[in-house]
Amino acid sequence: AAFLHYLAALPNYRQQIVHIEHIPAQDAAFGKLDKPLHPVLKTRLESLGLSALYSHQAEALNAIFAGKNVIVATPSASGKTLCYNLGYEMP
């Protein structure tokens, strides 16, 4: 937030930034897959520190596994890419 306020004070940016909003963090909500991940994928995710999927990731993967088309619209850095990568890697 401090950096945004710094930018907003600069003459070159003063008229370009029209709104700054702080959105507080929320507790994570985790989901469950209808079928397990392949053991190799599960082990790799755990080695990266990912022991559980967020609810939107599990919901997206369950839909992909059911043969549905999926679009995921969530905030930045929420794990959208993992939805598509795991959906692609799973049979």
Protein backbone atom coordinates (compact mmCIF):
# COMPACT_ATOMS: atom_id res chain seq x y z
CA ALA A 1 0.00 0.00 0.00
CA ALA A 2 2.84 2.40 0.78
CA PHE A 3 4.30 1.96 -2.70
CA LEU A 4 0.94 2.71 -4.32
CA HIS A 5 0.58 5.88 -2.28
CA TYR A 6 4.13 6.84 -3.25
CA LEU A 7 3.27 6.37 -6.95
CA ALA A 8 0.04 8.32 -6.58
CA ALA A 9 2.03 11.27 -5.22
CA LEU A 10 4.40 11.40 -8.21
CA PRO A 11 3.52 14.07 -10.79
CA ASN A 12 3.60 11.59 -13.69
CA TYR A 13 1.11 9.27 -11.98
CA ARG A 14 -1.05 11.72 -10.03
CA GLN A 15 -3.83 11.78 -12.66
CA GLN A 16 -3.46 8.14 -13.69
CA ILE A 17 -4.33 6.41 -10.43
CA VAL A 18 -7.99 6.96 -9.65
CA HIS A 19 -8.67 4.37 -6.96
CA ILE A 20 -6.71 2.42 -4.37
CA GLU A 21 -8.51 -0.15 -2.27
CA HIS A 22 -7.14 -2.45 0.41
CA ILE A 23 -8.81 -5.86 0.45
CA PRO A 24 -8.10 -7.70 3.71
CA ALA A 25 -6.79 -11.25 3.68
CA GLN A 26 -9.25 -14.09 4.21
CA ASP A 27 -8.76 -17.49 5.76
CA ALA A 28 -8.11 -20.19 3.17
CA ALA A 29 -10.94 -22.56 2.24
CA PHE A 30 -9.79 -25.99 1.14
CA GLY A 31 -11.62 -28.51 -1.03
CA LYS A 32 -11.59 -32.23 -1.70
CA LEU A 33 -11.16 -34.00 -5.01
CA ASP A 34 -13.71 -36.59 -6.09
CA LYS A 35 -10.84 -38.81 -7.25
CA PRO A 36 -7.24 -38.78 -6.01
CA LEU A 37 -4.37 -37.20 -7.87
CA HIS A 38 -1.81 -39.49 -9.47
CA PRO A 39 0.75 -40.39 -6.75
CA VAL A 40 3.60 -38.73 -8.69
CA LEU A 41 1.64 -35.45 -8.91
CA LYS A 42 0.64 -35.65 -5.26
CA THR A 43 4.26 -36.22 -4.19
CA ARG A 44 5.51 -33.36 -6.36
CA LEU A 45 2.90 -30.95 -4.99
CA GLU A 46 3.78 -31.94 -1.44
CA SER A 47 7.48 -31.36 -2.18
CA LEU A 48 6.50 -27.81 -3.19
CA GLY A 49 4.65 -27.34 0.11
CA LEU A 50 1.17 -27.82 -1.34
CA SER A 51 -0.57 -30.32 0.90
CA ALA A 52 -4.16 -29.30 0.09
CA LEU A 53 -6.03 -27.69 -2.78
CA TYR A 54 -8.06 -24.52 -2.34
CA SER A 55 -11.80 -24.98 -2.73
CA HIS A 56 -11.88 -23.31 -6.17
CA GLN A 57 -9.05 -25.58 -7.36
CA ALA A 58 -10.81 -28.74 -6.18
CA GLU A 59 -14.11 -27.57 -7.67
CA ALA A 60 -12.46 -26.80 -11.02
CA LEU A 61 -10.60 -30.12 -11.13
CA ASN A 62 -13.71 -32.09 -10.20
CA ALA A 63 -15.54 -30.41 -13.08
CA ILE A 64 -12.65 -31.08 -15.47
CA PHE A 65 -12.54 -34.74 -14.41
CA ALA A 66 -16.30 -34.90 -15.09
CA GLY A 67 -15.65 -33.75 -18.66
CA LYS A 68 -16.99 -30.21 -18.23
CA ASN A 69 -15.52 -27.04 -19.68
CA VAL A 70 -14.09 -24.82 -16.95
CA ILE A 71 -13.30 -21.13 -16.57
CA VAL A 72 -11.74 -19.97 -13.30
CA ALA A 73 -12.02 -16.30 -12.31
CA THR A 74 -10.34 -15.59 -8.97
CA PRO A 75 -7.96 -12.90 -7.66
CA SER A 76 -4.29 -12.72 -8.58
CA ALA A 77 -2.03 -15.38 -7.08
CA SER A 78 -4.96 -17.58 -6.07
CA GLY A 79 -3.83 -20.73 -7.87
CA LYS A 80 -5.71 -20.60 -11.17
CA THR A 81 -2.76 -21.96 -13.14
CA LEU A 82 -2.67 -25.08 -10.99
CA CYS A 83 -6.31 -25.78 -11.91
CA TYR A 84 -5.44 -25.90 -15.58
CA ASN A 85 -2.06 -27.62 -15.24
CA LEU A 86 -3.39 -30.42 -13.04
CA GLY A 87 -6.47 -30.75 -15.21
CA TYR A 88 -4.21 -31.21 -18.21
CA GLU A 89 -1.94 -33.73 -16.50
CA MET A 90 -4.72 -35.95 -15.19
CA PRO A 91 -6.19 -38.63 -17.48
